C-alpha cells in the first residue's frame, strides 16, 4: 500500500498556502543568492577570496546538519556518535561514493563566483538555465531516460534563448566595468552547468536505494566539500590567503552570501516537497524576472530587445519543460487537432485515460532546484 505524505491530508486552504510559501522561498533563494554574490563581488574596496566563502558555506552547512541529526537523536550524544560511526565509517563505501559529486559541487561553487563576477546577474541567471539542458542530456545517456518531443523542443528553445542573450552580451549590452571579462564568465557558467548536470545524474545513479537521510547525506557532502574546498583554496589562493588572512575582505554583505549558500538550500529542501513541477518551473521564471528587475535598479543593467527576446524564450522553455507528461501530451494533441482532423478520439461514455503523475521520479525537474537539492535527490 502506498503511503501518502503527511501534507497530502492537509485541508485545501492550508495546502494552497504551503504551495505559495514554497513558491516564495524558491523564488527568493534562486534570485537572492545570485544578486548577493554579484553585489558583494562588485563592491568597492578589498575583494574577499571566493574560495574561503565556499569553504565557510560548507562548514556551516555541515554543522547545521550535525545539529539536526543531534536533535533527531533527542540530544543523546552517545546515540549520535554510534549512528555516525555506523553511517560514515562502517558503511565507508557509501561515504566514499559521495567524494566524486562533492568534488564536482565544490568546483561548481567556485565557478559560480567566477561567472557572477564577470557577468551581469540577469545574464548569468538566464545563461545558467543551460543546466536544464546538461542535466537532461546526462540523464538520457547515463540513466537511459526518455524525453518527450515537447521536452526536446523546449531544450532547443532554451539553447536558442541563451544564445540570443549571449549575443546581446557580446554586442555590448550597456556599460561594462573594465575588470570584468564576459568571455571568462561565459566559460565559467558553461562549465558550471556541465558539472551541475553530471553531478546531479551521477549522484542519483550511485545512491539509488540508499537509506540515508537528507541531513546525513549533506553532512557527508559537507565533510568532503570542506576538505576539497581547502585543497582548492591552497592551490588557487593559498599564498594570498596566508598573507592577508582567511577572512580578508569580509563584510556583512559577504557573510550574507555565505549564510545564503549554507542555509538557503537547506531551507528549500524543507519546503520543496510542497511544490510540483509546474510550480518549480514558475519559480525559476519568476527568479529570472526578479533578477532582471533588481539588476536594473542595483547595477544599472541595460535591457534591450535582444535580451528581452532571449530571456522570454528561456522562460517559455523552462515552463514547457516543467510540464508533466500528461499535460505535454494534451498540448501535443491540441496542436494536432488545430493542424488537422484527430484520428484518435475518446469513445463517448468511456472514462478518460489515467493521467501520469506530475512527479516523474527522475532528474527532469532537478535544474529548477538549488544545488543542494540535487545532492539530496535519491537520499
Protein backbone atom coordinates (compact mmCIF):
# COMPACT_ATOMS: atom_id res chain seq x y z
CA UNK A 1 0.00 0.00 0.00
CA UNK A 2 1.39 3.38 -0.98
CA UNK A 3 1.95 5.71 1.94
CA UNK A 4 0.73 9.23 1.33
CA UNK A 5 2.88 12.12 2.53
CA UNK A 6 1.50 13.93 5.55
CA UNK A 7 0.90 17.13 3.61
CA UNK A 8 -1.42 15.24 1.27
CA UNK A 9 -4.05 15.08 4.02
CA UNK A 10 -3.95 18.80 4.78
CA UNK A 11 -7.03 20.93 4.06
CA UNK A 12 -7.09 22.58 0.64
CA UNK A 13 -6.61 26.04 2.12
CA UNK A 14 -3.56 25.05 4.15
CA UNK A 15 -2.11 23.11 1.21
CA UNK A 16 -2.55 26.13 -1.04
CA UNK A 17 -0.84 28.41 1.47
CA UNK A 18 2.09 25.99 1.74
CA UNK A 19 2.43 25.97 -2.04
CA UNK A 20 2.52 29.76 -2.11
CA UNK A 21 5.12 29.78 0.67
CA UNK A 22 7.14 27.22 -1.29
CA UNK A 23 6.94 29.38 -4.40
CA UNK A 24 8.11 32.46 -2.48
CA UNK A 25 11.03 30.60 -0.88
CA UNK A 26 12.16 29.13 -4.21
CA UNK A 27 11.99 32.50 -5.97
CA UNK A 28 13.76 34.41 -3.22
CA UNK A 29 16.51 31.81 -2.80
CA UNK A 30 17.15 31.45 -6.54
CA UNK A 31 17.35 35.20 -7.12
CA UNK A 32 18.87 36.45 -3.86
CA UNK A 33 21.94 34.21 -3.96
CA UNK A 34 22.95 35.41 -7.42
CA UNK A 35 22.18 39.05 -6.67
CA UNK A 36 24.01 38.97 -3.33
CA UNK A 37 27.12 37.40 -4.87
CA UNK A 38 27.11 39.99 -7.64
CA UNK A 39 26.68 42.78 -5.12
CA UNK A 40 29.45 41.52 -2.83
CA UNK A 41 31.87 40.96 -5.74
CA UNK A 42 31.33 44.44 -7.24
CA UNK A 43 31.56 46.50 -4.05
CA UNK A 44 34.46 48.98 -3.98
CA UNK A 45 37.31 48.15 -1.63
CA UNK A 46 39.08 44.93 -0.77
CA UNK A 47 37.63 41.89 -2.53
CA UNK A 48 37.23 38.75 -0.45
CA UNK A 49 38.62 35.39 -1.56
CA UNK A 50 35.85 33.35 -3.16
CA UNK A 51 37.48 30.07 -2.15
CA UNK A 52 37.20 30.99 1.54
CA UNK A 53 33.48 31.74 1.12
CA UNK A 54 32.96 28.30 -0.46
CA UNK A 55 34.74 26.63 2.48
CA UNK A 56 32.79 28.61 5.09
CA UNK A 57 29.46 27.70 3.44
CA UNK A 58 30.38 24.01 3.55
CA UNK A 59 31.45 24.26 7.21
CA UNK A 60 28.21 25.98 8.25
CA UNK A 61 26.09 23.57 6.25
CA UNK A 62 27.84 20.56 7.79
CA UNK A 63 27.49 21.93 11.32
CA UNK A 64 23.80 22.65 10.73
CA UNK A 65 23.16 19.10 9.51
CA UNK A 66 25.10 17.75 12.51
CA UNK A 67 22.88 19.76 14.88
CA UNK A 68 19.75 18.50 13.10
CA UNK A 69 20.93 14.90 13.45
CA UNK A 70 21.69 15.61 17.13
CA UNK A 71 18.12 16.85 17.54
CA UNK A 72 16.78 13.73 15.81
CA UNK A 73 18.63 11.64 18.41
CA UNK A 74 16.86 13.66 21.14
CA UNK A 75 20.10 15.22 22.31
CA UNK A 76 21.73 11.89 23.12
CA UNK A 77 25.43 12.28 22.27
CA UNK A 78 26.16 8.56 22.58
CA UNK A 79 23.40 7.62 20.12
CA UNK A 80 24.61 10.30 17.69
CA UNK A 81 28.23 9.09 17.85
CA UNK A 82 27.17 5.45 17.33
CA UNK A 83 24.94 6.48 14.43
CA UNK A 84 27.69 8.49 12.72
CA UNK A 85 30.22 5.73 13.28
CA UNK A 86 27.92 3.23 11.59
CA UNK A 87 26.81 5.54 8.76
CA UNK A 88 30.14 7.20 7.96
CA UNK A 89 32.88 4.74 8.95
CA UNK A 90 31.35 1.26 8.93
CA UNK A 91 29.46 1.95 5.70
CA UNK A 92 32.53 3.66 4.27
CA UNK A 93 31.74 2.55 0.69
CA UNK A 94 28.59 4.68 0.65
CA UNK A 95 30.56 7.54 2.19
CA UNK A 96 33.31 7.34 -0.42
CA UNK A 97 30.72 7.38 -3.20
CA UNK A 98 29.98 10.97 -2.23
CA UNK A 99 33.56 12.11 -2.86
CA UNK A 100 33.02 12.50 -6.62
CA UNK A 101 29.82 14.61 -6.50
CA UNK A 102 31.26 16.61 -3.62
CA UNK A 103 34.36 17.41 -5.69
CA UNK A 104 32.15 18.49 -8.60
CA UNK A 105 29.90 20.62 -6.40
CA UNK A 106 32.92 22.34 -4.83
CA UNK A 107 34.26 23.11 -8.30
CA UNK A 108 30.83 24.32 -9.35
CA UNK A 109 30.52 26.69 -6.38
CA UNK A 110 33.88 28.27 -7.22
CA UNK A 111 32.96 28.54 -10.90
CA UNK A 112 29.78 30.40 -9.98
CA UNK A 113 31.81 33.10 -8.24
CA UNK A 114 33.96 33.46 -11.36
CA UNK A 115 30.89 33.63 -13.61
CA UNK A 116 28.91 36.09 -11.49
CA UNK A 117 31.98 38.29 -11.03
CA UNK A 118 32.25 38.66 -14.82
CA UNK A 119 28.61 38.63 -15.97
CA UNK A 120 25.61 40.77 -15.02
CA UNK A 121 23.33 38.97 -12.58
CA UNK A 122 20.43 38.85 -15.06
CA UNK A 123 22.66 37.48 -17.83
CA UNK A 124 24.03 34.83 -15.51
CA UNK A 125 20.54 33.87 -14.32
CA UNK A 126 19.36 33.32 -17.89
CA UNK A 127 22.51 31.55 -19.07
CA UNK A 128 22.61 29.31 -16.01
CA UNK A 129 19.38 27.68 -17.14
CA UNK A 130 21.59 25.69 -19.53
CA UNK A 131 21.86 23.29 -16.58
CA UNK A 132 18.41 22.07 -17.63
CA UNK A 133 19.90 21.04 -20.97
CA UNK A 134 23.00 19.42 -19.49
CA UNK A 135 21.03 17.54 -16.83
CA UNK A 136 18.60 16.26 -19.45
CA UNK A 137 21.38 15.06 -21.75
CA UNK A 138 23.30 13.35 -18.94
CA UNK A 139 20.12 11.65 -17.72
CA UNK A 140 19.46 10.34 -21.24
CA UNK A 141 22.98 8.96 -21.68
CA UNK A 142 23.71 7.79 -18.14
CA UNK A 143 20.28 6.71 -16.88
CA UNK A 144 18.60 5.83 -20.21
CA UNK A 145 15.83 8.31 -19.56
CA UNK A 146 13.44 9.27 -22.33
CA UNK A 147 12.26 12.78 -23.11
CA UNK A 148 9.06 13.74 -24.83
CA UNK A 149 9.06 15.65 -28.11
CA UNK A 150 7.86 18.73 -26.28
CA UNK A 151 10.81 18.49 -23.88
CA UNK A 152 13.29 18.17 -26.73
CA UNK A 153 11.66 21.18 -28.39
CA UNK A 154 11.84 23.14 -25.13
CA UNK A 155 15.56 22.31 -24.81
CA UNK A 156 16.16 23.65 -28.32
CA UNK A 157 14.16 26.75 -27.41
CA UNK A 158 16.23 27.10 -24.23
CA UNK A 159 19.52 26.91 -26.11
CA UNK A 160 18.29 29.47 -28.65
CA UNK A 161 17.26 31.88 -25.90
CA UNK A 162 20.60 31.60 -24.11
CA UNK A 163 22.47 32.10 -27.40
CA UNK A 164 20.50 35.30 -28.07
CA UNK A 165 21.26 36.63 -24.58
CA UNK A 166 24.95 35.90 -25.04
CA UNK A 167 24.90 37.59 -28.45
CA UNK A 168 23.42 40.64 -26.76
CA UNK A 169 26.15 40.50 -24.12
CA UNK A 170 28.90 40.19 -26.73
CA UNK A 171 27.43 43.08 -28.67
CA UNK A 172 27.74 45.47 -25.77
CA UNK A 173 24.69 45.28 -23.52
CA UNK A 174 25.41 48.57 -21.83
CA UNK A 175 28.46 49.86 -19.93
CA UNK A 176 30.87 47.22 -18.65
CA UNK A 177 33.34 47.59 -15.78
CA UNK A 178 36.93 47.32 -17.01
CA UNK A 179 37.83 44.49 -14.61
CA UNK A 180 35.16 42.12 -15.97
CA UNK A 181 35.72 39.54 -18.70
CA UNK A 182 32.46 38.29 -20.26
CA UNK A 183 34.32 35.52 -22.10
CA UNK A 184 35.67 34.14 -18.83
CA UNK A 185 32.23 34.49 -17.27
CA UNK A 186 30.58 32.56 -20.09
CA UNK A 187 33.20 29.79 -19.92
CA UNK A 188 32.70 29.55 -16.15
CA UNK A 189 28.91 29.34 -16.35
CA UNK A 190 29.03 26.71 -19.11
CA UNK A 191 31.49 24.64 -17.06
CA UNK A 192 29.26 25.11 -14.01
CA UNK A 193 26.21 23.90 -15.95
CA UNK A 194 28.10 20.84 -17.21
CA UNK A 195 29.28 19.99 -13.71
CA UNK A 196 25.80 20.57 -12.29
CA UNK A 197 24.19 18.24 -14.81
CA UNK A 198 26.77 15.48 -14.41
CA UNK A 199 26.87 15.68 -10.61
CA UNK A 200 23.09 15.52 -10.25
CA UNK A 201 22.75 12.49 -12.52
CA UNK A 202 25.80 10.74 -11.04
CA UNK A 203 24.52 11.34 -7.53
CA UNK A 204 21.18 9.73 -8.34
CA UNK A 205 22.87 6.83 -10.12
CA UNK A 206 25.19 5.86 -7.27
CA UNK A 207 22.73 6.40 -4.43
CA UNK A 208 19.65 4.63 -5.77
CA UNK A 209 18.23 2.53 -2.98
CA UNK A 210 20.27 4.33 -0.33
CA UNK A 211 18.52 4.69 3.02
CA UNK A 212 20.49 7.67 4.28
CA UNK A 213 18.55 10.73 5.42
CA UNK A 214 18.76 14.16 3.82
CA UNK A 215 20.77 15.56 6.73
CA UNK A 216 23.19 12.63 6.85
CA UNK A 217 23.96 12.86 3.13
CA UNK A 218 24.51 16.61 3.34
CA UNK A 219 26.73 16.17 6.39
CA UNK A 220 28.85 13.71 4.41
CA UNK A 221 28.92 16.07 1.44
CA UNK A 222 29.87 18.90 3.77
CA UNK A 223 32.80 16.94 5.16
CA UNK A 224 34.16 16.20 1.70
CA UNK A 225 33.29 19.69 0.49
CA UNK A 226 35.21 21.33 3.32
CA UNK A 227 38.30 19.20 2.74
CA UNK A 228 38.22 19.63 -1.04
CA UNK A 229 37.47 23.33 -0.69
CA UNK A 230 40.55 23.78 1.47
CA UNK A 231 42.64 21.98 -1.15
CA UNK A 232 41.26 24.29 -3.83
CA UNK A 233 41.92 27.32 -1.63
CA UNK A 234 45.54 26.27 -1.09
CA UNK A 235 46.05 25.60 -4.81
CA UNK A 236 44.40 28.75 -6.17
CA UNK A 237 44.89 31.42 -3.50
CA UNK A 238 46.96 29.82 -0.76
CA UNK A 239 49.77 32.38 -0.77
CA UNK A 240 47.44 35.38 -0.79
CA UNK A 241 45.22 33.91 1.95
CA UNK A 242 48.26 33.15 4.11
CA UNK A 243 49.48 36.73 3.69
CA UNK A 244 46.19 38.59 4.14
CA UNK A 245 44.14 36.20 6.27
CA UNK A 246 41.24 33.82 5.74
CA UNK A 247 38.57 36.46 6.38
CA UNK A 248 40.22 39.22 4.39
CA UNK A 249 37.64 41.47 2.74
CA UNK A 250 34.70 40.01 4.66
CA UNK A 251 31.84 42.47 5.12
CA UNK A 252 28.22 42.00 6.24
CA UNK A 253 27.35 41.53 2.55
CA UNK A 254 29.89 38.71 2.23
CA UNK A 255 28.57 37.00 5.34
CA UNK A 256 25.10 37.30 3.85
CA UNK A 257 26.30 35.42 0.77
CA UNK A 258 27.89 32.70 2.92
CA UNK A 259 24.77 32.28 5.05
CA UNK A 260 22.57 32.21 1.94
CA UNK A 261 24.69 29.47 0.41
CA UNK A 262 24.79 27.45 3.61
CA UNK A 263 21.19 27.74 4.77
CA UNK A 264 19.25 28.71 1.65
CA UNK A 265 19.48 25.27 0.11
CA UNK A 266 18.60 23.58 3.41
CA UNK A 267 15.51 25.76 3.72
CA UNK A 268 14.45 24.95 0.17
CA UNK A 269 14.97 21.24 0.90
CA UNK A 270 12.31 21.55 3.59
CA UNK A 271 9.69 23.39 1.52
CA UNK A 272 10.26 21.92 -1.95
CA UNK A 273 8.13 18.84 -1.18
CA UNK A 274 5.08 21.11 -1.33
CA UNK A 275 5.91 22.28 -4.86
CA UNK A 276 5.01 20.38 -8.00
CA UNK A 277 6.94 20.52 -11.27
CA UNK A 278 4.99 23.44 -12.70
CA UNK A 279 5.48 25.46 -9.52
CA UNK A 280 9.24 24.84 -9.65
CA UNK A 281 9.37 25.97 -13.27
CA UNK A 282 7.25 29.01 -12.45
CA UNK A 283 9.63 29.84 -9.58
CA UNK A 284 12.60 29.71 -11.96
CA UNK A 285 10.82 32.03 -14.40
CA UNK A 286 9.95 34.49 -11.65
CA UNK A 287 13.56 34.38 -10.44
CA UNK A 288 14.77 35.45 -13.89
CA UNK A 289 12.31 38.37 -13.91
CA UNK A 290 13.21 39.35 -10.35
CA UNK A 291 16.95 39.19 -11.06
CA UNK A 292 16.50 41.35 -14.17
CA UNK A 293 14.44 44.00 -12.37
CA UNK A 294 16.84 44.07 -9.42
CA UNK A 295 19.85 44.29 -11.76
CA UNK A 296 18.34 47.35 -13.43
CA UNK A 297 17.86 49.07 -10.08
CA UNK A 298 21.04 47.93 -8.31
CA UNK A 299 23.62 47.64 -11.07
CA UNK A 300 22.29 49.81 -13.91
CA UNK A 301 21.73 46.79 -16.14
CA UNK A 302 20.55 47.69 -19.65
CA UNK A 303 17.66 45.67 -21.08
CA UNK A 304 17.28 45.79 -24.84
CA UNK A 305 15.20 43.91 -27.41
CA UNK A 306 17.70 41.04 -27.79
CA UNK A 307 17.86 40.35 -24.06
CA UNK A 308 14.09 40.54 -23.75
CA UNK A 309 13.65 38.09 -26.62
CA UNK A 310 16.26 35.67 -25.31
CA UNK A 311 15.01 35.79 -21.72
CA UNK A 312 11.43 35.31 -22.93
CA UNK A 313 12.43 32.19 -24.89
CA UNK A 314 14.24 30.80 -21.84
CA UNK A 315 11.26 31.45 -19.56
CA UNK A 316 8.94 29.78 -22.05
CA UNK A 317 11.29 26.81 -22.40
CA UNK A 318 11.51 26.39 -18.63
CA UNK A 319 7.72 26.35 -18.37
CA UNK A 320 7.28 23.86 -21.20
CA UNK A 321 9.99 21.56 -19.88
CA UNK A 322 8.46 21.56 -16.39
CA UNK A 323 5.05 20.41 -17.62
CA UNK A 324 4.14 16.87 -16.51
CA UNK A 325 3.92 14.34 -19.31
CA UNK A 326 0.14 14.25 -19.19
CA UNK A 327 -0.09 17.98 -19.82
CA UNK A 328 2.57 17.77 -22.51
CA UNK A 329 0.55 15.13 -24.35
CA UNK A 330 -2.54 17.30 -24.07
CA UNK A 331 -0.68 20.21 -25.66
CA UNK A 332 0.57 17.95 -28.43
CA UNK A 333 -2.96 16.65 -29.03
CA UNK A 334 -4.32 20.18 -29.15
CA UNK A 335 -1.67 21.14 -31.68
CA UNK A 336 -2.52 18.11 -33.80
CA UNK A 337 -6.21 18.98 -33.65
CA UNK A 338 -5.51 22.51 -34.79
CA UNK A 339 -3.46 21.31 -37.75
CA UNK A 340 -5.86 18.60 -38.94
CA UNK A 341 -8.60 16.16 -38.01
CA UNK A 342 -7.93 13.98 -34.99
CA UNK A 343 -7.83 10.27 -35.84
CA UNK A 344 -7.95 9.02 -32.22
CA UNK A 345 -10.80 10.27 -30.11
CA UNK A 346 -12.07 9.04 -26.77
CA UNK A 347 -15.21 6.92 -27.32
CA UNK A 348 -18.34 8.52 -25.84
CA UNK A 349 -19.24 7.25 -22.41
CA UNK A 350 -15.75 5.91 -21.73
CA UNK A 351 -13.71 7.24 -18.81
CA UNK A 352 -10.67 9.32 -19.73
CA UNK A 353 -7.30 7.57 -19.63
CA UNK A 354 -5.42 7.88 -16.33
CA UNK A 355 -3.11 10.85 -16.10
CA UNK A 356 0.52 10.40 -15.31
CA UNK A 357 1.76 11.79 -12.05
CA UNK A 358 3.48 15.13 -12.25
CA UNK A 359 6.34 13.66 -10.27
CA UNK A 360 8.33 11.64 -12.76
CA UNK A 361 10.86 10.39 -10.30
CA UNK A 362 13.78 11.47 -12.45
CA UNK A 363 16.12 14.37 -12.85
CA UNK A 364 13.93 16.29 -15.26
CA UNK A 365 12.95 18.70 -12.51
CA UNK A 366 16.37 18.90 -10.87
CA UNK A 367 17.52 22.00 -12.77
CA UNK A 368 14.81 24.05 -11.07
CA UNK A 369 16.26 23.33 -7.65
CA UNK A 370 19.30 24.66 -5.84
CA UNK A 371 22.41 22.59 -5.97
CA UNK A 372 21.71 21.22 -2.53
CA UNK A 373 18.58 19.51 -3.77
CA UNK A 374 20.40 17.66 -6.46
CA UNK A 375 22.58 16.38 -3.69
CA UNK A 376 19.54 15.34 -1.72
CA UNK A 377 17.96 13.50 -4.63
CA UNK A 378 17.97 9.79 -4.03
CA UNK A 379 18.54 10.10 -0.29
